[in-house]
């Protein structure tokens, strides 16, 4: 089985080396070095990674990230990410890796690439697009469930997924799976999607915070 999460990991590491530690990203004021440290803490420091998800513990994650950047140079940290998680980590199992890391690495890779003005869009293989489509089908309902009074329909070349019930207006989000994922995770200014529906409903979809 092709592990697209591993492919995305390797490509992201190549980009980290290319841009260096001080490049901008779409993650607020984080640089590429900050984002790299975040990914390493996320999968290698369970004692600190809770701070990524629990705001009250955010200081732990930030301290761990700063420690990594202080103790190691950028290339060393990139190669650590490239080698994958520790042997005990569940994502060493291919199927778990796909579910946990494919979207994470894809979105953060685009965070680096699309923060650079004029960066060309990547040409993904059909298999890679399909893998992202599978993940969109798995998490799409959860990701877009909070649109108030509006039903959302995700439309890709391979499938349509209607989210929500009732009599509210329907807004279709058309795009490649990766683009719809970027839109759902808040990268709206760079996501290449088309929203079709009543204007007020479209505006609701465009301004709703979908972050998981």
Protein backbone atom coordinates (compact mmCIF):
# COMPACT_ATOMS: atom_id res chain seq x y z
CA UNK A 1 0.00 0.00 0.00
CA UNK A 2 1.29 3.44 -0.91
CA UNK A 3 1.62 5.58 2.21
CA UNK A 4 0.70 9.04 1.03
CA UNK A 5 1.30 10.46 4.49
CA UNK A 6 4.93 9.36 4.17
CA UNK A 7 5.15 10.95 0.72
CA UNK A 8 3.73 14.18 2.10
CA UNK A 9 6.12 14.06 5.06
CA UNK A 10 9.12 13.74 2.76
CA UNK A 11 7.93 16.52 0.47
CA UNK A 12 7.31 18.82 3.44
CA UNK A 13 10.80 18.12 4.75
CA UNK A 14 12.27 19.01 1.35
CA UNK A 15 10.37 22.29 1.43
CA UNK A 16 11.54 23.04 4.98
CA UNK A 17 15.14 22.63 3.82
CA UNK A 18 14.53 24.78 0.75
CA UNK A 19 12.94 27.73 2.56
CA UNK A 20 14.99 27.63 5.76
CA UNK A 21 13.77 28.34 9.31
CA UNK A 22 12.61 31.94 8.88
CA UNK A 23 10.09 31.71 6.03
CA UNK A 24 6.53 32.91 6.65
CA UNK A 25 3.65 30.46 6.96
CA UNK A 26 -0.14 30.69 7.02
CA UNK A 27 -0.10 29.73 10.73
CA UNK A 28 -0.37 33.20 12.21
CA UNK A 29 3.01 34.58 13.17
CA UNK A 30 4.76 31.20 13.09
CA UNK A 31 7.80 30.88 10.87
CA UNK A 32 8.67 27.67 9.05
CA UNK A 33 11.00 26.84 11.96
CA UNK A 34 8.16 27.24 14.44
CA UNK A 35 5.90 25.01 12.36
CA UNK A 36 8.61 22.37 12.13
CA UNK A 37 9.04 22.41 15.91
CA UNK A 38 5.26 22.12 16.34
CA UNK A 39 5.17 18.97 14.20
CA UNK A 40 8.02 17.40 16.15
CA UNK A 41 6.39 18.12 19.50
CA UNK A 42 3.07 16.83 18.20
CA UNK A 43 4.38 13.35 17.47
CA UNK A 44 7.39 13.04 19.74
CA UNK A 45 6.52 14.71 23.04
CA UNK A 46 3.27 13.35 24.51
CA UNK A 47 4.07 15.16 27.76
CA UNK A 48 3.94 18.49 25.94
CA UNK A 49 1.71 17.88 22.93
CA UNK A 50 -1.46 18.16 25.02
CA UNK A 51 -0.81 21.88 24.90
CA UNK A 52 -1.50 21.83 21.17
CA UNK A 53 -5.11 20.84 21.81
CA UNK A 54 -5.83 22.21 25.29
CA UNK A 55 -5.42 26.01 25.51
CA UNK A 56 -4.78 25.91 29.26
CA UNK A 57 -1.71 23.74 28.60
CA UNK A 58 -0.41 25.70 25.61
CA UNK A 59 2.62 26.85 27.53
CA UNK A 60 3.97 23.30 27.65
CA UNK A 61 3.93 22.96 23.88
CA UNK A 62 5.43 26.40 23.35
CA UNK A 63 8.22 25.67 25.81
CA UNK A 64 8.98 22.35 24.12
CA UNK A 65 9.02 24.00 20.69
CA UNK A 66 11.37 26.73 21.87
CA UNK A 67 13.66 24.15 23.46
CA UNK A 68 13.97 22.20 20.23
CA UNK A 69 14.88 25.31 18.25
CA UNK A 70 17.42 26.38 20.86
CA UNK A 71 19.19 23.02 21.10
CA UNK A 72 19.23 21.97 17.44
CA UNK A 73 19.85 23.57 14.08
CA UNK A 74 17.20 23.64 11.38
CA UNK A 75 18.63 20.84 9.25
CA UNK A 76 18.89 18.49 12.23
CA UNK A 77 15.23 19.09 13.10
CA UNK A 78 14.14 18.56 9.50
CA UNK A 79 15.94 15.22 9.37
CA UNK A 80 14.35 14.21 12.66
CA UNK A 81 10.91 14.88 11.19
CA UNK A 82 11.87 13.01 8.01
CA UNK A 83 12.79 9.89 10.03
CA UNK A 84 9.26 9.67 11.39
CA UNK A 85 7.87 9.27 14.88
CA UNK A 86 9.48 7.25 17.69
CA UNK A 87 9.21 3.47 17.50
CA UNK A 88 6.46 3.42 20.13
CA UNK A 89 4.21 5.86 18.29
CA UNK A 90 0.95 4.49 16.77
CA UNK A 91 1.57 6.25 13.45
CA UNK A 92 4.39 3.80 12.77
CA UNK A 93 1.49 1.66 11.53
CA UNK A 94 0.69 2.60 7.94
CA UNK A 95 -3.09 2.76 8.22
CA UNK A 96 -2.88 4.90 11.36
CA UNK A 97 -0.33 7.16 9.69
CA UNK A 98 -2.71 7.81 6.78
CA UNK A 99 -5.58 8.71 9.08
CA UNK A 100 -3.59 10.87 11.48
CA UNK A 101 -0.93 12.51 9.34
CA UNK A 102 -1.92 12.81 5.69
CA UNK A 103 -4.19 15.82 6.12
CA UNK A 104 -1.97 17.33 8.83
CA UNK A 105 1.12 17.24 6.62
CA UNK A 106 -0.76 18.32 3.49
CA UNK A 107 -2.30 21.38 5.13
CA UNK A 108 0.92 22.44 6.82
CA UNK A 109 2.92 21.88 3.65
CA UNK A 110 0.58 24.24 1.86
CA UNK A 111 0.90 26.65 4.81
CA UNK A 112 4.55 27.02 3.88
CA UNK A 113 4.19 26.96 0.11
CA UNK A 114 1.25 29.34 -0.19
CA UNK A 115 2.63 31.89 2.25
CA UNK A 116 5.31 32.56 -0.35
CA UNK A 117 3.90 34.97 -2.92
CA UNK A 118 3.82 33.48 -6.39
CA UNK A 119 4.57 29.94 -5.27
CA UNK A 120 3.28 27.57 -7.99
CA UNK A 121 0.63 25.04 -7.07
CA UNK A 122 1.82 21.48 -6.75
CA UNK A 123 0.82 18.84 -9.26
CA UNK A 124 -0.32 15.89 -7.17
CA UNK A 125 -0.72 12.39 -8.55
CA UNK A 126 -4.22 11.04 -9.06
CA UNK A 127 -3.58 8.54 -6.27
CA UNK A 128 -2.54 11.30 -3.88
CA UNK A 129 -5.66 13.32 -4.71
CA UNK A 130 -7.78 10.21 -4.18
CA UNK A 131 -6.17 9.62 -0.78
CA UNK A 132 -7.02 13.19 0.24
CA UNK A 133 -10.53 12.61 -1.08
CA UNK A 134 -10.88 9.57 1.15
CA UNK A 135 -9.83 11.58 4.18
CA UNK A 136 -12.25 14.37 3.22
CA UNK A 137 -15.05 11.80 3.13
CA UNK A 138 -14.05 10.61 6.61
CA UNK A 139 -13.75 14.00 8.33
CA UNK A 140 -15.89 16.23 6.10
CA UNK A 141 -19.08 15.80 8.10
CA UNK A 142 -17.31 16.71 11.34
CA UNK A 143 -15.41 19.56 9.71
CA UNK A 144 -18.43 21.31 8.17
CA UNK A 145 -21.11 20.35 10.66
CA UNK A 146 -21.29 23.73 12.37
CA UNK A 147 -22.69 25.86 9.56
CA UNK A 148 -25.68 27.62 11.19
CA UNK A 149 -28.91 27.20 9.24
CA UNK A 150 -27.16 26.05 6.08
CA UNK A 151 -26.66 22.61 4.59
CA UNK A 152 -23.29 22.10 2.92
CA UNK A 153 -22.59 19.84 -0.03
CA UNK A 154 -18.98 18.97 -0.78
CA UNK A 155 -18.48 18.39 -4.51
CA UNK A 156 -15.33 16.85 -5.95
CA UNK A 157 -14.74 15.05 -9.24
CA UNK A 158 -15.50 11.70 -7.57
CA UNK A 159 -18.24 12.28 -5.03
CA UNK A 160 -20.85 14.54 -3.50
CA UNK A 161 -21.34 14.62 0.25
CA UNK A 162 -24.37 16.38 1.75
CA UNK A 163 -23.91 17.58 5.31
CA UNK A 164 -26.78 18.64 7.51
CA UNK A 165 -30.50 18.08 7.37
CA UNK A 166 -33.70 20.11 7.41
CA UNK A 167 -35.02 22.75 5.09
CA UNK A 168 -32.18 25.25 5.19
CA UNK A 169 -30.52 26.49 2.00
CA UNK A 170 -27.80 24.39 0.40
CA UNK A 171 -24.35 25.71 -0.45
CA UNK A 172 -22.12 23.59 -2.65
CA UNK A 173 -18.36 23.76 -2.14
CA UNK A 174 -16.70 22.69 -5.39
CA UNK A 175 -13.02 21.89 -5.60
CA UNK A 176 -10.32 19.28 -5.40
CA UNK A 177 -10.28 17.41 -2.09
CA UNK A 178 -7.15 19.15 -0.85
CA UNK A 179 -8.59 22.57 -1.63
CA UNK A 180 -11.82 21.81 0.25
CA UNK A 181 -9.75 20.60 3.20
CA UNK A 182 -7.75 23.83 3.16
CA UNK A 183 -10.98 25.82 3.13
CA UNK A 184 -12.37 23.81 6.02
CA UNK A 185 -9.23 24.29 8.07
CA UNK A 186 -9.40 28.06 7.72
CA UNK A 187 -7.11 28.71 4.75
CA UNK A 188 -9.92 30.46 2.88
CA UNK A 189 -7.86 33.17 1.21
CA UNK A 190 -5.73 30.58 -0.59
CA UNK A 191 -8.12 27.65 -1.04
CA UNK A 192 -9.18 27.22 -4.66
CA UNK A 193 -12.85 26.43 -4.21
CA UNK A 194 -16.10 27.70 -5.68
CA UNK A 195 -19.12 28.28 -3.45
CA UNK A 196 -22.52 28.00 -5.14
CA UNK A 197 -25.81 28.86 -3.44
CA UNK A 198 -27.95 31.75 -2.20
CA UNK A 199 -25.72 34.78 -1.49
CA UNK A 200 -26.52 35.02 2.21
CA UNK A 201 -25.96 31.30 2.71
CA UNK A 202 -22.69 31.47 0.78
CA UNK A 203 -21.53 34.28 3.06
CA UNK A 204 -22.41 32.17 6.10
CA UNK A 205 -20.29 29.31 4.79
CA UNK A 206 -17.47 31.68 3.91
CA UNK A 207 -17.32 33.21 7.38
CA UNK A 208 -18.02 30.21 9.64
CA UNK A 209 -15.08 29.00 11.72
CA UNK A 210 -14.77 25.31 10.86
CA UNK A 211 -11.59 24.51 12.70
CA UNK A 212 -11.79 21.15 14.51
